[in-house]
């Protein structure tokens, strides 16, 4: 299956959200850009870097980067889609906390998300 905007040969950019790692922030869940491999934080995270990456780059498809999840999302159509197996790894390390990373997670993280 070939879908323009999904490059199954590109590996992920790392184990965590690129921008959160650069700024010292944290995330709830991680998403992987299917075109360039950028790892960003989900829409439930404070910074929503995956969506911001999609907007700034024009890369419309993401895949969950969580263990045991293999769904794809189309930001343009706002719907799930089926996609091919991507280059490994398929998810963040199982040892990594969710939300995380644990050492940067504030005690009041749930309150921060609800405000």
C-alpha atoms as a PDB file:
ATOM      1  CA  UNK A   1       0.000   0.000   0.000  1.00  0.00           C
ATOM      2  CA  UNK A   2       1.434   3.365  -1.015  1.00  0.00           C
ATOM      3  CA  UNK A   3       0.002   6.597   0.373  1.00  0.00           C
ATOM      4  CA  UNK A   4       1.525   9.952  -0.525  1.00  0.00           C
ATOM      5  CA  UNK A   5       2.716  11.461   2.753  1.00  0.00           C
ATOM      6  CA  UNK A   6       3.599   8.150   4.368  1.00  0.00           C
ATOM      7  CA  UNK A   7       7.212   7.084   4.028  1.00  0.00           C
ATOM      8  CA  UNK A   8       7.599   3.664   5.658  1.00  0.00           C
ATOM      9  CA  UNK A   9      11.408   3.767   5.401  1.00  0.00           C
ATOM     10  CA  UNK A  10      11.995   6.841   7.593  1.00  0.00           C
ATOM     11  CA  UNK A  11      12.903   6.025  11.212  1.00  0.00           C
ATOM     12  CA  UNK A  12      11.489   8.042  14.124  1.00  0.00           C
ATOM     13  CA  UNK A  13      13.443  11.073  15.293  1.00  0.00           C
ATOM     14  CA  UNK A  14      13.979   9.672  18.783  1.00  0.00           C
ATOM     15  CA  UNK A  15      12.354   8.384  21.960  1.00  0.00           C
ATOM     16  CA  UNK A  16      10.443  11.540  22.900  1.00  0.00           C
ATOM     17  CA  UNK A  17       8.921  14.773  21.671  1.00  0.00           C
ATOM     18  CA  UNK A  18      11.651  16.725  19.885  1.00  0.00           C
ATOM     19  CA  UNK A  19      10.513  20.148  21.075  1.00  0.00           C
ATOM     20  CA  UNK A  20       9.675  19.071  24.643  1.00  0.00           C
ATOM     21  CA  UNK A  21      13.114  17.511  24.967  1.00  0.00           C
ATOM     22  CA  UNK A  22      14.707  20.715  23.705  1.00  0.00           C
ATOM     23  CA  UNK A  23      12.731  22.903  26.122  1.00  0.00           C
ATOM     24  CA  UNK A  24      12.742  20.575  29.135  1.00  0.00           C
ATOM     25  CA  UNK A  25       8.972  20.079  29.004  1.00  0.00           C
ATOM     26  CA  UNK A  26       6.904  16.870  29.221  1.00  0.00           C
ATOM     27  CA  UNK A  27       4.126  15.116  27.309  1.00  0.00           C
ATOM     28  CA  UNK A  28       1.102  12.896  27.769  1.00  0.00           C
ATOM     29  CA  UNK A  29       1.405  10.695  24.661  1.00  0.00           C
ATOM     30  CA  UNK A  30       3.654  10.658  21.614  1.00  0.00           C
ATOM     31  CA  UNK A  31       2.852  10.779  17.899  1.00  0.00           C
ATOM     32  CA  UNK A  32       5.084  10.020  14.922  1.00  0.00           C
ATOM     33  CA  UNK A  33       4.976  11.929  11.654  1.00  0.00           C
ATOM     34  CA  UNK A  34       4.682   9.359   8.893  1.00  0.00           C
ATOM     35  CA  UNK A  35       6.469  11.514   6.356  1.00  0.00           C
ATOM     36  CA  UNK A  36       9.649  12.614   8.171  1.00  0.00           C
ATOM     37  CA  UNK A  37       9.656  10.630  11.441  1.00  0.00           C
ATOM     38  CA  UNK A  38       9.305  13.676  13.723  1.00  0.00           C
ATOM     39  CA  UNK A  39       8.151  12.648  17.206  1.00  0.00           C
ATOM     40  CA  UNK A  40       5.807  15.169  18.799  1.00  0.00           C
ATOM     41  CA  UNK A  41       3.474  15.288  21.763  1.00  0.00           C
ATOM     42  CA  UNK A  42      -0.260  14.646  21.364  1.00  0.00           C
ATOM     43  CA  UNK A  43      -3.206  17.027  21.476  1.00  0.00           C
ATOM     44  CA  UNK A  44      -3.776  16.163  25.152  1.00  0.00           C
ATOM     45  CA  UNK A  45      -0.303  17.466  26.003  1.00  0.00           C
ATOM     46  CA  UNK A  46       0.337  21.071  26.994  1.00  0.00           C
ATOM     47  CA  UNK A  47       2.333  21.883  23.883  1.00  0.00           C
ATOM     48  CA  UNK A  48       0.617  19.847  21.114  1.00  0.00           C
ATOM     49  CA  UNK A  49       3.859  19.649  19.136  1.00  0.00           C
ATOM     50  CA  UNK A  50       2.679  16.862  16.799  1.00  0.00           C
ATOM     51  CA  UNK A  51      -0.187  19.022  15.508  1.00  0.00           C
ATOM     52  CA  UNK A  52       2.052  22.093  15.318  1.00  0.00           C
ATOM     53  CA  UNK A  53       4.546  20.090  13.266  1.00  0.00           C
ATOM     54  CA  UNK A  54       1.763  18.983  10.908  1.00  0.00           C
ATOM     55  CA  UNK A  55       0.610  22.580  10.441  1.00  0.00           C
ATOM     56  CA  UNK A  56       4.069  24.031   9.866  1.00  0.00           C
ATOM     57  CA  UNK A  57       5.357  21.215   7.650  1.00  0.00           C
ATOM     58  CA  UNK A  58       2.203  20.232   5.756  1.00  0.00           C
ATOM     59  CA  UNK A  59       2.756  16.610   6.835  1.00  0.00           C
ATOM     60  CA  UNK A  60      -0.799  15.470   7.376  1.00  0.00           C
ATOM     61  CA  UNK A  61      -0.457  11.910   8.741  1.00  0.00           C
ATOM     62  CA  UNK A  62       0.695  10.663  12.122  1.00  0.00           C
ATOM     63  CA  UNK A  63       0.888   7.287  13.788  1.00  0.00           C
ATOM     64  CA  UNK A  64       0.691   6.636  17.501  1.00  0.00           C
ATOM     65  CA  UNK A  65       4.130   6.163  19.031  1.00  0.00           C
ATOM     66  CA  UNK A  66       2.736   4.413  22.105  1.00  0.00           C
ATOM     67  CA  UNK A  67       3.364   0.724  22.837  1.00  0.00           C
ATOM     68  CA  UNK A  68       0.571  -1.578  21.645  1.00  0.00           C
ATOM     69  CA  UNK A  69      -1.017   1.126  19.461  1.00  0.00           C
ATOM     70  CA  UNK A  70      -0.758   1.089  15.677  1.00  0.00           C
ATOM     71  CA  UNK A  71      -3.386   3.566  14.513  1.00  0.00           C
ATOM     72  CA  UNK A  72      -2.830   6.337  11.962  1.00  0.00           C
ATOM     73  CA  UNK A  73      -4.557   9.744  11.927  1.00  0.00           C
ATOM     74  CA  UNK A  74      -5.112  12.210   9.107  1.00  0.00           C
ATOM     75  CA  UNK A  75      -5.049  15.811  10.411  1.00  0.00           C
ATOM     76  CA  UNK A  76      -6.600  17.139   7.187  1.00  0.00           C
ATOM     77  CA  UNK A  77      -9.580  14.764   6.970  1.00  0.00           C
ATOM     78  CA  UNK A  78      -9.811  14.394  10.782  1.00  0.00           C
ATOM     79  CA  UNK A  79     -10.155  10.639  10.556  1.00  0.00           C
ATOM     80  CA  UNK A  80      -8.310   7.399  11.163  1.00  0.00           C
ATOM     81  CA  UNK A  81      -6.789   5.517   8.262  1.00  0.00           C
ATOM     82  CA  UNK A  82      -4.961   2.276   7.650  1.00  0.00           C
ATOM     83  CA  UNK A  83      -1.288   2.582   6.932  1.00  0.00           C
ATOM     84  CA  UNK A  84       1.739   0.400   6.311  1.00  0.00           C
ATOM     85  CA  UNK A  85       4.241  -0.853   8.860  1.00  0.00           C
ATOM     86  CA  UNK A  86       6.807   1.880   9.471  1.00  0.00           C
ATOM     87  CA  UNK A  87      10.555   1.622  10.026  1.00  0.00           C
ATOM     88  CA  UNK A  88      11.466   0.549  13.568  1.00  0.00           C
ATOM     89  CA  UNK A  89      11.147   1.251  16.343  1.00  0.00           C
ATOM     90  CA  UNK A  90       7.345   1.202  16.331  1.00  0.00           C
ATOM     91  CA  UNK A  91       6.940   2.912  19.716  1.00  0.00           C
ATOM     92  CA  UNK A  92       8.715   4.679  22.527  1.00  0.00           C
ATOM     93  CA  UNK A  93      10.618   2.442  24.962  1.00  0.00           C
ATOM     94  CA  UNK A  94       8.272   0.446  27.182  1.00  0.00           C
ATOM     95  CA  UNK A  95      10.333   1.565  30.173  1.00  0.00           C
ATOM     96  CA  UNK A  96       9.476   5.225  29.483  1.00  0.00           C
ATOM     97  CA  UNK A  97       6.721   6.612  31.693  1.00  0.00           C
ATOM     98  CA  UNK A  98       3.382   7.776  30.312  1.00  0.00           C
ATOM     99  CA  UNK A  99       2.991  10.664  30.755  1.00  0.00           C
ATOM    100  CA  UNK A 100       6.638  11.454  30.797  1.00  0.00           C
ATOM    101  CA  UNK A 101       9.427  11.635  31.063  1.00  0.00           C
ATOM    102  CA  UNK A 102       8.951  10.914  34.769  1.00  0.00           C
ATOM    103  CA  UNK A 103      11.804  13.144  35.904  1.00  0.00           C
ATOM    104  CA  UNK A 104      10.229  16.205  34.228  1.00  0.00           C
ATOM    105  CA  UNK A 105       6.596  15.495  35.094  1.00  0.00           C
ATOM    106  CA  UNK A 106       5.289  18.107  37.560  1.00  0.00           C
ATOM    107  CA  UNK A 107       3.295  16.872  40.552  1.00  0.00           C
ATOM    108  CA  UNK A 108       0.286  18.920  39.421  1.00  0.00           C
ATOM    109  CA  UNK A 109       0.379  17.749  35.789  1.00  0.00           C
ATOM    110  CA  UNK A 110      -3.304  16.771  35.768  1.00  0.00           C
ATOM    111  CA  UNK A 111      -4.345  20.206  37.033  1.00  0.00           C
ATOM    112  CA  UNK A 112      -2.167  21.859  34.410  1.00  0.00           C
ATOM    113  CA  UNK A 113      -3.935  19.936  31.664  1.00  0.00           C
ATOM    114  CA  UNK A 114      -7.410  20.795  32.934  1.00  0.00           C
ATOM    115  CA  UNK A 115      -6.827  24.540  33.184  1.00  0.00           C
END
